[in-house]
Amino acid sequence: MYNKYSEEMKEETAIYILESGKSITAASKELGINVNTACRWINKYKNKHGIISNENKPASSDEMQNKIKDLEKQLKTRDRELAYHKKQLENEQEKVEILKKSLRIFMEPHA
């Protein structure tokens, strides 16, 4: 059987697809190669270089629930931080307004 592509070309193609951020389907069409062929080359490249990927493994329900809880915690923390900084900003704005009024009073000519 005649091998149309060199190993170097297969590896370079796998690297390109992985680093492009494009889907394998889109990158394969762009390069004019079969999607299944591209998948084989990518899997071979990952195996050769010890790259472990969980992209094809669906997350369990427990993992998803834990992820959701973690994200909700992060969101609550960010909301608290935002509220704190918003209050700080309001306090600073009040100080500026007070200083502006004071400056106007001191700048008025006194007779």
PDB file of N, CA and C in Angstrom:
ATOM      1  N   MET A   1       0.840  -1.183   0.000  1.00  0.00           N
ATOM      2  CA  MET A   1       0.000   0.000   0.000  1.00  0.00           C
ATOM      3  C   MET A   1       0.885   1.247   0.000  1.00  0.00           C
ATOM      4  N   TYR A   2       0.599   2.165  -0.840  1.00  0.00           N
ATOM      5  CA  TYR A   2       1.369   3.389  -1.002  1.00  0.00           C
ATOM      6  C   TYR A   2       0.960   4.411   0.056  1.00  0.00           C
ATOM      7  N   ASN A   3       1.948   4.927   0.816  1.00  0.00           N
ATOM      8  CA  ASN A   3       1.682   5.938   1.828  1.00  0.00           C
ATOM      9  C   ASN A   3       1.858   7.314   1.201  1.00  0.00           C
ATOM     10  N   LYS A   4       0.758   8.012   1.050  1.00  0.00           N
ATOM     11  CA  LYS A   4       0.726   9.291   0.347  1.00  0.00           C
ATOM     12  C   LYS A   4       1.372  10.430   1.136  1.00  0.00           C
ATOM     13  N   TYR A   5       1.345  10.340   2.469  1.00  0.00           N
ATOM     14  CA  TYR A   5       1.844  11.428   3.319  1.00  0.00           C
ATOM     15  C   TYR A   5       2.993  10.944   4.201  1.00  0.00           C
ATOM     16  N   SER A   6       4.001  11.788   4.369  1.00  0.00           N
ATOM     17  CA  SER A   6       5.127  11.443   5.225  1.00  0.00           C
ATOM     18  C   SER A   6       4.713  11.589   6.692  1.00  0.00           C
ATOM     19  N   GLU A   7       5.446  10.918   7.563  1.00  0.00           N
ATOM     20  CA  GLU A   7       5.168  11.030   8.998  1.00  0.00           C
ATOM     21  C   GLU A   7       5.330  12.471   9.475  1.00  0.00           C
ATOM     22  N   GLU A   8       6.332  13.160   8.933  1.00  0.00           N
ATOM     23  CA  GLU A   8       6.568  14.557   9.314  1.00  0.00           C
ATOM     24  C   GLU A   8       5.368  15.427   8.939  1.00  0.00           C
ATOM     25  N   MET A   9       4.826  15.191   7.752  1.00  0.00           N
ATOM     26  CA  MET A   9       3.675  15.960   7.293  1.00  0.00           C
ATOM     27  C   MET A   9       2.448  15.674   8.162  1.00  0.00           C
ATOM     28  N   LYS A  10       2.277  14.415   8.551  1.00  0.00           N
ATOM     29  CA  LYS A  10       1.154  14.041   9.412  1.00  0.00           C
ATOM     30  C   LYS A  10       1.253  14.747  10.770  1.00  0.00           C
ATOM     31  N   GLU A  11       2.473  14.750  11.337  1.00  0.00           N
ATOM     32  CA  GLU A  11       2.682  15.418  12.623  1.00  0.00           C
ATOM     33  C   GLU A  11       2.450  16.913  12.521  1.00  0.00           C
ATOM     34  N   GLU A  12       2.984  17.519  11.481  1.00  0.00           N
ATOM     35  CA  GLU A  12       2.808  18.961  11.299  1.00  0.00           C
ATOM     36  C   GLU A  12       1.333  19.311  11.125  1.00  0.00           C
ATOM     37  N   THR A  13       0.605  18.463  10.421  1.00  0.00           N
ATOM     38  CA  THR A  13      -0.826  18.677  10.237  1.00  0.00           C
ATOM     39  C   THR A  13      -1.554  18.563  11.576  1.00  0.00           C
ATOM     40  N   ALA A  14      -1.206  17.547  12.363  1.00  0.00           N
ATOM     41  CA  ALA A  14      -1.828  17.367  13.679  1.00  0.00           C
ATOM     42  C   ALA A  14      -1.556  18.583  14.556  1.00  0.00           C
ATOM     43  N   ILE A  15      -0.329  19.055  14.568  1.00  0.00           N
ATOM     44  CA  ILE A  15       0.034  20.234  15.371  1.00  0.00           C
ATOM     45  C   ILE A  15      -0.756  21.447  14.899  1.00  0.00           C
ATOM     46  N   TYR A  16      -0.825  21.634  13.587  1.00  0.00           N
ATOM     47  CA  TYR A  16      -1.565  22.770  13.041  1.00  0.00           C
ATOM     48  C   TYR A  16      -3.022  22.735  13.506  1.00  0.00           C
ATOM     49  N   ILE A  17      -3.659  21.582  13.384  1.00  0.00           N
ATOM     50  CA  ILE A  17      -5.070  21.470  13.757  1.00  0.00           C
ATOM     51  C   ILE A  17      -5.249  21.721  15.250  1.00  0.00           C
ATOM     52  N   LEU A  18      -4.378  21.140  16.069  1.00  0.00           N
ATOM     53  CA  LEU A  18      -4.494  21.320  17.519  1.00  0.00           C
ATOM     54  C   LEU A  18      -4.280  22.769  17.936  1.00  0.00           C
ATOM     55  N   GLU A  19      -3.358  23.450  17.291  1.00  0.00           N
ATOM     56  CA  GLU A  19      -3.023  24.819  17.684  1.00  0.00           C
ATOM     57  C   GLU A  19      -3.876  25.874  16.995  1.00  0.00           C
ATOM     58  N   SER A  20      -4.591  25.485  15.945  1.00  0.00           N
ATOM     59  CA  SER A  20      -5.356  26.465  15.168  1.00  0.00           C
ATOM     60  C   SER A  20      -6.587  26.976  15.909  1.00  0.00           C
ATOM     61  N   GLY A  21      -7.096  26.172  16.838  1.00  0.00           N
ATOM     62  CA  GLY A  21      -8.318  26.561  17.528  1.00  0.00           C
ATOM     63  C   GLY A  21      -9.562  26.253  16.703  1.00  0.00           C
ATOM     64  N   LYS A  22      -9.356  25.726  15.518  1.00  0.00           N
ATOM     65  CA  LYS A  22     -10.481  25.362  14.649  1.00  0.00           C
ATOM     66  C   LYS A  22     -10.938  23.948  14.988  1.00  0.00           C
ATOM     67  N   SER A  23     -12.149  23.641  14.591  1.00  0.00           N
ATOM     68  CA  SER A  23     -12.616  22.267  14.760  1.00  0.00           C
ATOM     69  C   SER A  23     -11.833  21.385  13.798  1.00  0.00           C
ATOM     70  N   ILE A  24     -11.763  20.103  14.121  1.00  0.00           N
ATOM     71  CA  ILE A  24     -11.058  19.170  13.245  1.00  0.00           C
ATOM     72  C   ILE A  24     -11.727  19.149  11.881  1.00  0.00           C
ATOM     73  N   THR A  25     -13.055  19.217  11.880  1.00  0.00           N
ATOM     74  CA  THR A  25     -13.798  19.205  10.615  1.00  0.00           C
ATOM     75  C   THR A  25     -13.428  20.404   9.750  1.00  0.00           C
ATOM     76  N   ALA A  26     -13.436  21.604  10.343  1.00  0.00           N
ATOM     77  CA  ALA A  26     -13.124  22.822   9.587  1.00  0.00           C
ATOM     78  C   ALA A  26     -11.683  22.805   9.080  1.00  0.00           C
ATOM     79  N   ALA A  27     -10.764  22.415   9.951  1.00  0.00           N
ATOM     80  CA  ALA A  27      -9.352  22.380   9.557  1.00  0.00           C
ATOM     81  C   ALA A  27      -9.124  21.325   8.475  1.00  0.00           C
ATOM     82  N   SER A  28      -9.795  20.190   8.573  1.00  0.00           N
ATOM     83  CA  SER A  28      -9.640  19.132   7.575  1.00  0.00           C
ATOM     84  C   SER A  28     -10.128  19.599   6.209  1.00  0.00           C
ATOM     85  N   LYS A  29     -11.286  20.263   6.212  1.00  0.00           N
ATOM     86  CA  LYS A  29     -11.805  20.786   4.939  1.00  0.00           C
ATOM     87  C   LYS A  29     -10.830  21.796   4.347  1.00  0.00           C
ATOM     88  N   GLU A  30     -10.323  22.670   5.204  1.00  0.00           N
ATOM     89  CA  GLU A  30      -9.367  23.689   4.759  1.00  0.00           C
ATOM     90  C   GLU A  30      -8.137  23.042   4.121  1.00  0.00           C
ATOM     91  N   LEU A  31      -7.670  21.944   4.723  1.00  0.00           N
ATOM     92  CA  LEU A  31      -6.458  21.282   4.250  1.00  0.00           C
ATOM     93  C   LEU A  31      -6.728  20.249   3.155  1.00  0.00           C
ATOM     94  N   GLY A  32      -8.018  19.944   2.935  1.00  0.00           N
ATOM     95  CA  GLY A  32      -8.365  18.972   1.900  1.00  0.00           C
ATOM     96  C   GLY A  32      -8.062  17.542   2.276  1.00  0.00           C
ATOM     97  N   ILE A  33      -8.193  17.230   3.579  1.00  0.00           N
ATOM     98  CA  ILE A  33      -7.983  15.840   4.011  1.00  0.00           C
ATOM     99  C   ILE A  33      -9.246  15.330   4.696  1.00  0.00           C
ATOM    100  N   ASN A  34      -9.392  14.026   4.718  1.00  0.00           N
ATOM    101  CA  ASN A  34     -10.537  13.392   5.340  1.00  0.00           C
ATOM    102  C   ASN A  34     -10.511  13.628   6.847  1.00  0.00           C
ATOM    103  N   VAL A  35     -11.686  13.883   7.422  1.00  0.00           N
ATOM    104  CA  VAL A  35     -11.785  14.148   8.858  1.00  0.00           C
ATOM    105  C   VAL A  35     -11.289  12.959   9.671  1.00  0.00           C
ATOM    106  N   ASN A  36     -11.665  11.764   9.275  1.00  0.00           N
ATOM    107  CA  ASN A  36     -11.232  10.572  10.010  1.00  0.00           C
ATOM    108  C   ASN A  36      -9.714  10.413   9.960  1.00  0.00           C
ATOM    109  N   THR A  37      -9.143  10.735   8.817  1.00  0.00           N
ATOM    110  CA  THR A  37      -7.684  10.675   8.677  1.00  0.00           C
ATOM    111  C   THR A  37      -7.033  11.677   9.629  1.00  0.00           C
ATOM    112  N   ALA A  38      -7.569  12.892   9.662  1.00  0.00           N
ATOM    113  CA  ALA A  38      -7.035  13.927  10.561  1.00  0.00           C
ATOM    114  C   ALA A  38      -7.142  13.479  12.016  1.00  0.00           C
ATOM    115  N   CYS A  39      -8.255  12.879  12.383  1.00  0.00           N
ATOM    116  CA  CYS A  39      -8.432  12.383  13.761  1.00  0.00           C
ATOM    117  C   CYS A  39      -7.393  11.321  14.094  1.00  0.00           C
ATOM    118  N   ARG A  40      -7.137  10.409  13.165  1.00  0.00           N
ATOM    119  CA  ARG A  40      -6.119   9.379  13.396  1.00  0.00           C
ATOM    120  C   ARG A  40      -4.751  10.010  13.602  1.00  0.00           C
ATOM    121  N   TRP A  41      -4.408  10.986  12.758  1.00  0.00           N
ATOM    122  CA  TRP A  41      -3.109  11.655  12.870  1.00  0.00           C
ATOM    123  C   TRP A  41      -2.987  12.391  14.202  1.00  0.00           C
ATOM    124  N   ILE A  42      -4.060  13.035  14.618  1.00  0.00           N
ATOM    125  CA  ILE A  42      -4.045  13.771  15.896  1.00  0.00           C
ATOM    126  C   ILE A  42      -3.889  12.798  17.057  1.00  0.00           C
ATOM    127  N   ASN A  43      -4.658  11.711  17.033  1.00  0.00           N
ATOM    128  CA  ASN A  43      -4.555  10.717  18.109  1.00  0.00           C
ATOM    129  C   ASN A  43      -3.161  10.097  18.158  1.00  0.00           C
ATOM    130  N   LYS A  44      -2.602   9.806  17.006  1.00  0.00           N
ATOM    131  CA  LYS A  44      -1.252   9.242  16.952  1.00  0.00           C
ATOM    132  C   LYS A  44      -0.243  10.239  17.528  1.00  0.00           C
ATOM    133  N   TYR A  45      -0.392  11.515  17.152  1.00  0.00           N
ATOM    134  CA  TYR A  45       0.504  12.563  17.671  1.00  0.00           C
ATOM    135  C   TYR A  45       0.377  12.672  19.190  1.00  0.00           C
ATOM    136  N   LYS A  46      -0.856  12.685  19.694  1.00  0.00           N
ATOM    137  CA  LYS A  46      -1.085  12.793  21.141  1.00  0.00           C
ATOM    138  C   LYS A  46      -0.487  11.597  21.876  1.00  0.00           C
ATOM    139  N   ASN A  47      -0.694  10.409  21.337  1.00  0.00           N
ATOM    140  CA  ASN A  47      -0.137   9.205  21.966  1.00  0.00           C
ATOM    141  C   ASN A  47       1.387   9.228  21.958  1.00  0.00           C
ATOM    142  N   LYS A  48       1.957   9.635  20.843  1.00  0.00           N
ATOM    143  CA  LYS A  48       3.417   9.672  20.710  1.00  0.00           C
ATOM    144  C   LYS A  48       4.041  10.637  21.712  1.00  0.00           C
ATOM    145  N   HIS A  49       3.372  11.761  21.959  1.00  0.00           N
ATOM    146  CA  HIS A  49       3.916  12.801  22.821  1.00  0.00           C
ATOM    147  C   HIS A  49       3.299  12.808  24.224  1.00  0.00           C
ATOM    148  N   GLY A  50       2.529  11.775  24.543  1.00  0.00           N
ATOM    149  CA  GLY A  50       1.969  11.637  25.885  1.00  0.00           C
ATOM    150  C   GLY A  50       0.973  12.714  26.255  1.00  0.00           C
ATOM    151  N   ILE A  51       0.262  13.222  25.270  1.00  0.00           N
ATOM    152  CA  ILE A  51      -0.742  14.249  25.534  1.00  0.00           C
ATOM    153  C   ILE A  51      -2.041  13.554  25.889  1.00  0.00           C
ATOM    154  N   ILE A  52      -2.528  13.841  27.101  1.00  0.00           N
ATOM    155  CA  ILE A  52      -3.762  13.230  27.572  1.00  0.00           C
ATOM    156  C   ILE A  52      -4.880  14.239  27.384  1.00  0.00           C
ATOM    157  N   SER A  53      -5.958  13.787  26.820  1.00  0.00           N
ATOM    158  CA  SER A  53      -7.081  14.677  26.567  1.00  0.00           C
ATOM    159  C   SER A  53      -8.361  14.046  27.076  1.00  0.00           C
ATOM    160  N   ASN A  54      -9.108  14.816  27.842  1.00  0.00           N
ATOM    161  CA  ASN A  54     -10.413  14.351  28.326  1.00  0.00           C
ATOM    162  C   ASN A  54     -11.538  14.972  27.520  1.00  0.00           C
ATOM    163  N   GLU A  55     -11.217  15.578  26.378  1.00  0.00           N
ATOM    164  CA  GLU A  55     -12.230  16.267  25.588  1.00  0.00           C
ATOM    165  C   GLU A  55     -13.330  15.322  25.117  1.00  0.00           C
ATOM    166  N   ASN A  56     -12.978  14.092  24.825  1.00  0.00           N
ATOM    167  CA  ASN A  56     -13.953  13.149  24.303  1.00  0.00           C
ATOM    168  C   ASN A  56     -14.724  12.435  25.403  1.00  0.00           C
ATOM    169  N   LYS A  57     -14.271  12.571  26.634  1.00  0.00           N
ATOM    170  CA  LYS A  57     -14.913  11.893  27.752  1.00  0.00           C
ATOM    171  C   LYS A  57     -15.970  12.820  28.356  1.00  0.00           C
ATOM    172  N   PRO A  58     -17.226  12.401  28.316  1.00  0.00           N
ATOM    173  CA  PRO A  58     -18.245  13.265  28.899  1.00  0.00           C
ATOM    174  C   PRO A  58     -18.074  13.333  30.418  1.00  0.00           C
ATOM    175  N   ALA A  59     -18.306  14.493  30.969  1.00  0.00           N
ATOM    176  CA  ALA A  59     -18.185  14.675  32.414  1.00  0.00           C
ATOM    177  C   ALA A  59     -19.356  13.982  33.104  1.00  0.00           C
ATOM    178  N   SER A  60     -19.077  13.423  34.253  1.00  0.00           N
ATOM    179  CA  SER A  60     -20.147  12.769  35.003  1.00  0.00           C
ATOM    180  C   SER A  60     -21.041  13.836  35.621  1.00  0.00           C
ATOM    181  N   SER A  61     -22.203  13.408  36.047  1.00  0.00           N
ATOM    182  CA  SER A  61     -23.157  14.324  36.669  1.00  0.00           C
ATOM    183  C   SER A  61     -22.566  14.952  37.934  1.00  0.00           C
ATOM    184  N   ASP A  62     -21.854  14.136  38.723  1.00  0.00           N
ATOM    185  CA  ASP A  62     -21.225  14.658  39.943  1.00  0.00           C
ATOM    186  C   ASP A  62     -20.167  15.702  39.611  1.00  0.00           C
ATOM    187  N   GLU A  63     -19.367  15.425  38.576  1.00  0.00           N
ATOM    188  CA  GLU A  63     -18.337  16.383  38.171  1.00  0.00           C
ATOM    189  C   GLU A  63     -18.969  17.695  37.732  1.00  0.00           C
ATOM    190  N   MET A  64     -20.061  17.587  36.990  1.00  0.00           N
ATOM    191  CA  MET A  64     -20.750  18.793  36.526  1.00  0.00           C
ATOM    192  C   MET A  64     -21.338  19.569  37.701  1.00  0.00           C
ATOM    193  N   GLN A  65     -21.921  18.867  38.657  1.00  0.00           N
ATOM    194  CA  GLN A  65     -22.492  19.539  39.835  1.00  0.00           C
ATOM    195  C   GLN A  65     -21.402  20.236  40.635  1.00  0.00           C
ATOM    196  N   ASN A  66     -20.262  19.575  40.805  1.00  0.00           N
ATOM    197  CA  ASN A  66     -19.137  20.185  41.519  1.00  0.00           C
ATOM    198  C   ASN A  66     -18.629  21.420  40.786  1.00  0.00           C
ATOM    199  N   LYS A  67     -18.560  21.321  39.473  1.00  0.00           N
ATOM    200  CA  LYS A  67     -18.105  22.455  38.666  1.00  0.00           C
ATOM    201  C   LYS A  67     -19.081  23.625  38.805  1.00  0.00           C
ATOM    202  N   ILE A  68     -20.366  23.328  38.769  1.00  0.00           N
ATOM    203  CA  ILE A  68     -21.389  24.369  38.919  1.00  0.00           C
ATOM    204  C   ILE A  68     -21.278  25.029  40.284  1.00  0.00           C
ATOM    205  N   LYS A  69     -21.126  24.225  41.337  1.00  0.00           N
ATOM    206  CA  LYS A  69     -20.996  24.781  42.694  1.00  0.00           C
ATOM    207  C   LYS A  69     -19.762  25.666  42.799  1.00  0.00           C
ATOM    208  N   ASP A  70     -18.662  25.208  42.203  1.00  0.00           N
ATOM    209  CA  ASP A  70     -17.428  25.982  42.227  1.00  0.00           C
ATOM    210  C   ASP A  70     -17.604  27.314  41.498  1.00  0.00           C
ATOM    211  N   LEU A  71     -18.230  27.279  40.348  1.00  0.00           N
ATOM    212  CA  LEU A  71     -18.463  28.509  39.588  1.00  0.00           C
ATOM    213  C   LEU A  71     -19.417  29.449  40.326  1.00  0.00           C
ATOM    214  N   GLU A  72     -20.430  28.887  40.994  1.00  0.00           N
ATOM    215  CA  GLU A  72     -21.349  29.727  41.772  1.00  0.00           C
ATOM    216  C   GLU A  72     -20.624  30.401  42.932  1.00  0.00           C
ATOM    217  N   LYS A  73     -19.711  29.664  43.580  1.00  0.00           N
ATOM    218  CA  LYS A  73     -18.904  30.250  44.656  1.00  0.00           C
ATOM    219  C   LYS A  73     -18.069  31.409  44.129  1.00  0.00           C
ATOM    220  N   GLN A  74     -17.410  31.173  43.002  1.00  0.00           N
ATOM    221  CA  GLN A  74     -16.582  32.223  42.394  1.00  0.00           C
ATOM    222  C   GLN A  74     -17.428  33.447  42.050  1.00  0.00           C
ATOM    223  N   LEU A  75     -18.618  33.216  41.527  1.00  0.00           N
ATOM    224  CA  LEU A  75     -19.505  34.312  41.167  1.00  0.00           C
ATOM    225  C   LEU A  75     -19.926  35.110  42.399  1.00  0.00           C
ATOM    226  N   LYS A  76     -20.260  34.430  43.487  1.00  0.00           N
ATOM    227  CA  LYS A  76     -20.638  35.123  44.725  1.00  0.00           C
ATOM    228  C   LYS A  76     -19.477  35.945  45.268  1.00  0.00           C
ATOM    229  N   THR A  77     -18.281  35.372  45.214  1.00  0.00           N
ATOM    230  CA  THR A  77     -17.090  36.097  45.669  1.00  0.00           C
ATOM    231  C   THR A  77     -16.889  37.352  44.833  1.00  0.00           C
ATOM    232  N   ARG A  78     -17.005  37.228  43.530  1.00  0.00           N
ATOM    233  CA  ARG A  78     -16.832  38.384  42.640  1.00  0.00           C
ATOM    234  C   ARG A  78     -17.919  39.423  42.875  1.00  0.00           C
ATOM    235  N   ASP A  79     -19.148  38.953  43.135  1.00  0.00           N
ATOM    236  CA  ASP A  79     -20.237  39.891  43.424  1.00  0.00           C
ATOM    237  C   ASP A  79     -19.951  40.685  44.692  1.00  0.00           C
ATOM    238  N   ARG A  80     -19.429  40.001  45.726  1.00  0.00           N
ATOM    239  CA  ARG A  80     -19.083  40.689  46.974  1.00  0.00           C
ATOM    240  C   ARG A  80     -17.968  41.703  46.740  1.00  0.00           C
ATOM    241  N   GLU A  81     -16.951  41.281  45.983  1.00  0.00           N
ATOM    242  CA  GLU A  81     -15.841  42.188  45.680  1.00  0.00           C
ATOM    243  C   GLU A  81     -16.330  43.404  44.893  1.00  0.00           C
ATOM    244  N   LEU A  82     -17.205  43.175  43.947  1.00  0.00           N
ATOM    245  CA  LEU A  82     -17.753  44.265  43.145  1.00  0.00           C
ATOM    246  C   LEU A  82     -18.555  45.228  44.009  1.00  0.00           C
ATOM    247  N   ALA A  83     -19.372  44.689  44.897  1.00  0.00           N
ATOM    248  CA  ALA A  83     -20.163  45.538  45.788  1.00  0.00           C
ATOM    249  C   ALA A  83     -19.247  46.372  46.683  1.00  0.00           C
ATOM    250  N   TYR A  84     -18.190  45.760  47.198  1.00  0.00           N
ATOM    251  CA  TYR A  84     -17.236  46.474  48.052  1.00  0.00           C
ATOM    252  C   TYR A  84     -16.588  47.620  47.280  1.00  0.00           C
ATOM    253  N   HIS A  85     -16.116  47.332  46.079  1.00  0.00           N
ATOM    254  CA  HIS A  85     -15.439  48.359  45.283  1.00  0.00           C
ATOM    255  C   HIS A  85     -16.414  49.452  44.838  1.00  0.00           C
ATOM    256  N   LYS A  86     -17.640  49.078  44.583  1.00  0.00           N
ATOM    257  CA  LYS A  86     -18.651  50.069  44.211  1.00  0.00           C
ATOM    258  C   LYS A  86     -18.881  51.027  45.378  1.00  0.00           C
ATOM    259  N   LYS A  87     -18.956  50.480  46.589  1.00  0.00           N
ATOM    260  CA  LYS A  87     -19.139  51.315  47.782  1.00  0.00           C
ATOM    261  C   LYS A  87     -17.932  52.226  47.976  1.00  0.00           C
ATOM    262  N   GLN A  88     -16.731  51.694  47.777  1.00  0.00           N
ATOM    263  CA  GLN A  88     -15.516  52.497  47.895  1.00  0.00           C
ATOM    264  C   GLN A  88     -15.537  53.654  46.890  1.00  0.00           C
ATOM    265  N   LEU A  89     -15.973  53.361  45.674  1.00  0.00           N
ATOM    266  CA  LEU A  89     -16.043  54.384  44.642  1.00  0.00           C
ATOM    267  C   LEU A  89     -17.044  55.463  45.030  1.00  0.00           C
ATOM    268  N   GLU A  90     -18.192  55.057  45.543  1.00  0.00           N
ATOM    269  CA  GLU A  90     -19.197  56.034  45.982  1.00  0.00           C
ATOM    270  C   GLU A  90     -18.634  56.926  47.085  1.00  0.00           C
ATOM    271  N   ASN A  91     -17.903  56.332  48.029  1.00  0.00           N
ATOM    272  CA  ASN A  91     -17.296  57.118  49.107  1.00  0.00           C
ATOM    273  C   ASN A  91     -16.289  58.122  48.551  1.00  0.00           C
ATOM    274  N   GLU A  92     -15.487  57.697  47.610  1.00  0.00           N
ATOM    275  CA  GLU A  92     -14.498  58.588  47.003  1.00  0.00           C
ATOM    276  C   GLU A  92     -15.180  59.713  46.236  1.00  0.00           C
ATOM    277  N   GLN A  93     -16.265  59.383  45.546  1.00  0.00           N
ATOM    278  CA  GLN A  93     -16.995  60.407  44.804  1.00  0.00           C
ATOM    279  C   GLN A  93     -17.603  61.440  45.766  1.00  0.00           C
ATOM    280  N   GLU A  94     -18.092  60.981  46.904  1.00  0.00           N
ATOM    281  CA  GLU A  94     -18.627  61.902  47.916  1.00  0.00           C
ATOM    282  C   GLU A  94     -17.527  62.832  48.426  1.00  0.00           C
ATOM    283  N   LYS A  95     -16.360  62.284  48.676  1.00  0.00           N
ATOM    284  CA  LYS A  95     -15.236  63.099  49.143  1.00  0.00           C
ATOM    285  C   LYS A  95     -14.881  64.176  48.115  1.00  0.00           C
ATOM    286  N   VAL A  96     -14.867  63.795  46.851  1.00  0.00           N
ATOM    287  CA  VAL A  96     -14.545  64.746  45.790  1.00  0.00           C
ATOM    288  C   VAL A  96     -15.579  65.869  45.762  1.00  0.00           C
ATOM    289  N   GLU A  97     -16.850  65.512  45.884  1.00  0.00           N
ATOM    290  CA  GLU A  97     -17.907  66.533  45.881  1.00  0.00           C
ATOM    291  C   GLU A  97     -17.760  67.477  47.074  1.00  0.00           C
ATOM    292  N   ILE A  98     -17.431  66.933  48.230  1.00  0.00           N
ATOM    293  CA  ILE A  98     -17.230  67.769  49.420  1.00  0.00           C
ATOM    294  C   ILE A  98     -16.039  68.700  49.207  1.00  0.00           C
ATOM    295  N   LEU A  99     -14.966  68.184  48.662  1.00  0.00           N
ATOM    296  CA  LEU A  99     -13.794  69.016  48.393  1.00  0.00           C
ATOM    297  C   LEU A  99     -14.103  70.113  47.374  1.00  0.00           C
ATOM    298  N   LYS A 100     -14.892  69.797  46.357  1.00  0.00           N
ATOM    299  CA  LYS A 100     -15.266  70.798  45.363  1.00  0.00           C
ATOM    300  C   LYS A 100     -16.063  71.935  46.023  1.00  0.00           C
ATOM    301  N   LYS A 101     -17.030  71.565  46.891  1.00  0.00           N
ATOM    302  CA  LYS A 101     -17.837  72.569  47.571  1.00  0.00           C
ATOM    303  C   LYS A 101     -16.963  73.425  48.489  1.00  0.00           C
ATOM    304  N   SER A 102     -16.052  72.746  49.195  1.00  0.00           N
ATOM    305  CA  SER A 102     -15.151  73.487  50.092  1.00  0.00           C
ATOM    306  C   SER A 102     -14.281  74.450  49.304  1.00  0.00           C
ATOM    307  N   LEU A 103     -13.790  74.006  48.182  1.00  0.00           N
ATOM    308  CA  LEU A 103     -12.940  74.846  47.354  1.00  0.00           C
ATOM    309  C   LEU A 103     -13.706  76.068  46.856  1.00  0.00           C
ATOM    310  N   ARG A 104     -14.968  75.862  46.448  1.00  0.00           N
ATOM    311  CA  ARG A 104     -15.784  76.990  45.994  1.00  0.00           C
ATOM    312  C   ARG A 104     -15.991  78.004  47.117  1.00  0.00           C
ATOM    313  N   ILE A 105     -16.225  77.490  48.316  1.00  0.00           N
ATOM    314  CA  ILE A 105     -16.442  78.384  49.466  1.00  0.00           C
ATOM    315  C   ILE A 105     -15.186  79.189  49.734  1.00  0.00           C
ATOM    316  N   PHE A 106     -14.036  78.555  49.737  1.00  0.00           N
ATOM    317  CA  PHE A 106     -12.780  79.254  50.033  1.00  0.00           C
ATOM    318  C   PHE A 106     -12.340  80.181  48.900  1.00  0.00           C
ATOM    319  N   MET A 107     -12.807  79.920  47.701  1.00  0.00           N
ATOM    320  CA  MET A 107     -12.428  80.744  46.554  1.00  0.00           C
ATOM    321  C   MET A 107     -13.318  81.979  46.391  1.00  0.00           C
ATOM    322  N   GLU A 108     -14.443  81.986  47.099  1.00  0.00           N
ATOM    323  CA  GLU A 108     -15.342  83.158  47.005  1.00  0.00           C
ATOM    324  C   GLU A 108     -14.676  84.376  47.623  1.00  0.00           C
ATOM    325  N   PRO A 109     -14.843  85.488  46.959  1.00  0.00           N
ATOM    326  CA  PRO A 109     -14.272  86.713  47.551  1.00  0.00           C
ATOM    327  C   PRO A 109     -15.052  87.096  48.806  1.00  0.00           C
ATOM    328  N   HIS A 110     -14.344  87.388  49.870  1.00  0.00           N
ATOM    329  CA  HIS A 110     -14.992  87.786  51.116  1.00  0.00           C
ATOM    330  C   HIS A 110     -14.892  89.302  51.240  1.00  0.00           C
ATOM    331  N   ALA A 111     -15.999  89.936  51.556  1.00  0.00           N
ATOM    332  CA  ALA A 111     -15.992  91.391  51.657  1.00  0.00           C
ATOM    333  C   ALA A 111     -15.901  91.869  53.070  1.00  0.00           C
TER     334      ALA A 111
END
